Amino acid sequence: MRTFTESVAIEAMAEKIARLEAELARVKPLVIEAEGSSLPNQIRALRARGIIVLNLRDESEDILAKEIAGVVGERLADAVIRDMFTMNNAPCSAGLREEIKGVFNLGMSRF
């Protein structure tokens, strides 16, 4: 037989569990939505539609990754670097690469 104190404690714990389960049910869809709209997923979705991240700078990807990580954090920097194209690696002549970089003016020109 339970004492009054034990009964009250069990009831309080049951209420707390119910509140936590309700909160979990409320938050779970938000977490799933946030995961789907994360930067890595957005970059991949854009890339699938022909829109890419293009590095026009001459620095190595390691240097660029550290710089990006300082701005947006390691996880997002890794995602950007993983799906980024680097103009210096483009399969064309060095002259054409420089012309293309000049047209974009390091990303400052829009057309």
C-alpha atoms as a PDB file:
ATOM      1  CA  MET A   1       0.000   0.000   0.000  1.00  0.00           C
ATOM      2  CA  ARG A   2       1.291   3.428  -0.934  1.00  0.00           C
ATOM      3  CA  THR A   3       1.594   6.276   1.446  1.00  0.00           C
ATOM      4  CA  PHE A   4       0.000   9.605   0.678  1.00  0.00           C
ATOM      5  CA  THR A   5       3.448  11.101  -0.017  1.00  0.00           C
ATOM      6  CA  GLU A   6       4.298   8.348  -2.487  1.00  0.00           C
ATOM      7  CA  SER A   7       0.976   8.796  -4.278  1.00  0.00           C
ATOM      8  CA  VAL A   8       1.484  12.542  -4.575  1.00  0.00           C
ATOM      9  CA  ALA A   9       5.050  12.048  -5.875  1.00  0.00           C
ATOM     10  CA  ILE A  10       3.900   9.482  -8.450  1.00  0.00           C
ATOM     11  CA  GLU A  11       1.093  11.758  -9.614  1.00  0.00           C
ATOM     12  CA  ALA A  12       3.470  14.724  -9.881  1.00  0.00           C
ATOM     13  CA  MET A  13       5.942  12.641 -11.912  1.00  0.00           C
ATOM     14  CA  ALA A  14       3.165  11.405 -14.203  1.00  0.00           C
ATOM     15  CA  GLU A  15       2.041  15.001 -14.826  1.00  0.00           C
ATOM     16  CA  LYS A  16       5.612  16.068 -15.537  1.00  0.00           C
ATOM     17  CA  ILE A  17       6.099  13.162 -17.966  1.00  0.00           C
ATOM     18  CA  ALA A  18       2.869  14.123 -19.748  1.00  0.00           C
ATOM     19  CA  ARG A  19       4.049  17.759 -20.028  1.00  0.00           C
ATOM     20  CA  LEU A  20       7.447  16.665 -21.364  1.00  0.00           C
ATOM     21  CA  GLU A  21       5.859  14.324 -23.912  1.00  0.00           C
ATOM     22  CA  ALA A  22       3.563  17.127 -25.077  1.00  0.00           C
ATOM     23  CA  GLU A  23       6.544  19.479 -25.397  1.00  0.00           C
ATOM     24  CA  LEU A  24       8.464  16.839 -27.354  1.00  0.00           C
ATOM     25  CA  ALA A  25       5.502  16.380 -29.699  1.00  0.00           C
ATOM     26  CA  ARG A  26       5.395  20.154 -30.234  1.00  0.00           C
ATOM     27  CA  VAL A  27       9.159  20.552 -30.809  1.00  0.00           C
ATOM     28  CA  LYS A  28       9.852  17.449 -32.901  1.00  0.00           C
ATOM     29  CA  PRO A  29       8.280  18.804 -36.153  1.00  0.00           C
ATOM     30  CA  LEU A  30      10.188  22.071 -35.663  1.00  0.00           C
ATOM     31  CA  VAL A  31      13.472  20.180 -35.406  1.00  0.00           C
ATOM     32  CA  ILE A  32      12.685  18.148 -38.518  1.00  0.00           C
ATOM     33  CA  GLU A  33      11.819  21.339 -40.417  1.00  0.00           C
ATOM     34  CA  ALA A  34      14.992  23.065 -39.202  1.00  0.00           C
ATOM     35  CA  GLU A  35      17.117  20.119 -40.356  1.00  0.00           C
ATOM     36  CA  GLY A  36      15.516  20.298 -43.798  1.00  0.00           C
ATOM     37  CA  SER A  37      16.189  23.998 -44.089  1.00  0.00           C
ATOM     38  CA  SER A  38      19.783  23.798 -42.894  1.00  0.00           C
ATOM     39  CA  LEU A  39      22.441  25.492 -44.997  1.00  0.00           C
ATOM     40  CA  PRO A  40      23.955  22.210 -46.246  1.00  0.00           C
ATOM     41  CA  ASN A  41      20.546  21.047 -47.476  1.00  0.00           C
ATOM     42  CA  GLN A  42      19.796  24.426 -49.038  1.00  0.00           C
ATOM     43  CA  ILE A  43      23.140  24.499 -50.863  1.00  0.00           C
ATOM     44  CA  ARG A  44      22.513  21.008 -52.257  1.00  0.00           C
ATOM     45  CA  ALA A  45      18.966  21.946 -53.313  1.00  0.00           C
ATOM     46  CA  LEU A  46      20.297  25.010 -55.146  1.00  0.00           C
ATOM     47  CA  ARG A  47      23.092  22.994 -56.757  1.00  0.00           C
ATOM     48  CA  ALA A  48      20.522  20.495 -58.042  1.00  0.00           C
ATOM     49  CA  ARG A  49      18.924  23.438 -59.841  1.00  0.00           C
ATOM     50  CA  GLY A  50      22.161  24.698 -61.403  1.00  0.00           C
ATOM     51  CA  ILE A  51      22.896  27.384 -58.795  1.00  0.00           C
ATOM     52  CA  ILE A  52      26.354  26.977 -57.276  1.00  0.00           C
ATOM     53  CA  VAL A  53      28.763  28.484 -54.770  1.00  0.00           C
ATOM     54  CA  LEU A  54      31.828  29.567 -56.753  1.00  0.00           C
ATOM     55  CA  ASN A  55      35.121  30.534 -55.107  1.00  0.00           C
ATOM     56  CA  LEU A  56      36.824  33.230 -57.176  1.00  0.00           C
ATOM     57  CA  ARG A  57      39.679  33.851 -54.756  1.00  0.00           C
ATOM     58  CA  ASP A  58      43.227  32.525 -55.048  1.00  0.00           C
ATOM     59  CA  GLU A  59      43.589  31.269 -51.446  1.00  0.00           C
ATOM     60  CA  SER A  60      43.639  27.540 -50.767  1.00  0.00           C
ATOM     61  CA  GLU A  61      40.460  25.854 -49.612  1.00  0.00           C
ATOM     62  CA  ASP A  62      42.042  25.294 -46.164  1.00  0.00           C
ATOM     63  CA  ILE A  63      42.597  29.025 -45.676  1.00  0.00           C
ATOM     64  CA  LEU A  64      39.149  29.808 -47.005  1.00  0.00           C
ATOM     65  CA  ALA A  65      37.563  27.152 -44.753  1.00  0.00           C
ATOM     66  CA  LYS A  66      39.155  28.720 -41.663  1.00  0.00           C
ATOM     67  CA  GLU A  67      37.956  32.170 -42.699  1.00  0.00           C
ATOM     68  CA  ILE A  68      34.412  30.946 -43.344  1.00  0.00           C
ATOM     69  CA  ALA A  69      34.402  29.001 -40.057  1.00  0.00           C
ATOM     70  CA  GLY A  70      35.271  32.228 -38.251  1.00  0.00           C
ATOM     71  CA  VAL A  71      32.154  33.822 -39.715  1.00  0.00           C
ATOM     72  CA  VAL A  72      29.540  31.037 -39.729  1.00  0.00           C
ATOM     73  CA  GLY A  73      31.067  28.235 -37.639  1.00  0.00           C
ATOM     74  CA  GLU A  74      32.806  24.963 -38.508  1.00  0.00           C
ATOM     75  CA  ARG A  75      29.722  22.946 -39.433  1.00  0.00           C
ATOM     76  CA  LEU A  76      28.400  25.446 -41.944  1.00  0.00           C
ATOM     77  CA  ALA A  77      31.887  26.170 -43.278  1.00  0.00           C
ATOM     78  CA  ASP A  78      32.362  22.452 -43.954  1.00  0.00           C
ATOM     79  CA  ALA A  79      29.063  22.385 -45.862  1.00  0.00           C
ATOM     80  CA  VAL A  80      30.021  25.391 -47.961  1.00  0.00           C
ATOM     81  CA  ILE A  81      33.490  24.035 -48.757  1.00  0.00           C
ATOM     82  CA  ARG A  82      32.105  20.571 -49.574  1.00  0.00           C
ATOM     83  CA  ASP A  83      29.736  21.942 -52.242  1.00  0.00           C
ATOM     84  CA  MET A  84      31.854  24.872 -53.417  1.00  0.00           C
ATOM     85  CA  PHE A  85      33.410  25.085 -56.864  1.00  0.00           C
ATOM     86  CA  THR A  86      36.834  26.729 -57.089  1.00  0.00           C
ATOM     87  CA  MET A  87      37.538  28.812 -60.168  1.00  0.00           C
ATOM     88  CA  ASN A  88      41.255  27.952 -60.000  1.00  0.00           C
ATOM     89  CA  ASN A  89      40.320  24.295 -60.609  1.00  0.00           C
ATOM     90  CA  ALA A  90      38.142  25.025 -63.651  1.00  0.00           C
ATOM     91  CA  PRO A  91      39.048  22.993 -66.744  1.00  0.00           C
ATOM     92  CA  CYS A  92      39.997  25.978 -68.886  1.00  0.00           C
ATOM     93  CA  SER A  93      43.039  28.114 -69.613  1.00  0.00           C
ATOM     94  CA  ALA A  94      44.525  30.332 -66.923  1.00  0.00           C
ATOM     95  CA  GLY A  95      43.748  33.352 -69.103  1.00  0.00           C
ATOM     96  CA  LEU A  96      40.074  32.470 -69.337  1.00  0.00           C
ATOM     97  CA  ARG A  97      39.900  31.855 -65.564  1.00  0.00           C
ATOM     98  CA  GLU A  98      41.348  35.333 -64.955  1.00  0.00           C
ATOM     99  CA  GLU A  99      38.871  36.892 -67.402  1.00  0.00           C
ATOM    100  CA  ILE A 100      35.963  35.214 -65.637  1.00  0.00           C
ATOM    101  CA  LYS A 101      37.259  36.331 -62.230  1.00  0.00           C
ATOM    102  CA  GLY A 102      37.540  39.873 -63.590  1.00  0.00           C
ATOM    103  CA  VAL A 103      33.970  39.836 -64.865  1.00  0.00           C
ATOM    104  CA  PHE A 104      32.690  38.827 -61.429  1.00  0.00           C
ATOM    105  CA  ASN A 105      35.017  41.274 -59.627  1.00  0.00           C
ATOM    106  CA  LEU A 106      35.282  38.850 -56.660  1.00  0.00           C
ATOM    107  CA  GLY A 107      31.520  38.641 -56.441  1.00  0.00           C
ATOM    108  CA  MET A 108      30.961  42.381 -56.389  1.00  0.00           C
ATOM    109  CA  SER A 109      29.551  42.560 -59.943  1.00  0.00           C
ATOM    110  CA  ARG A 110      26.005  41.430 -60.603  1.00  0.00           C
ATOM    111  CA  PHE A 111      24.533  41.071 -64.024  1.00  0.00           C
END
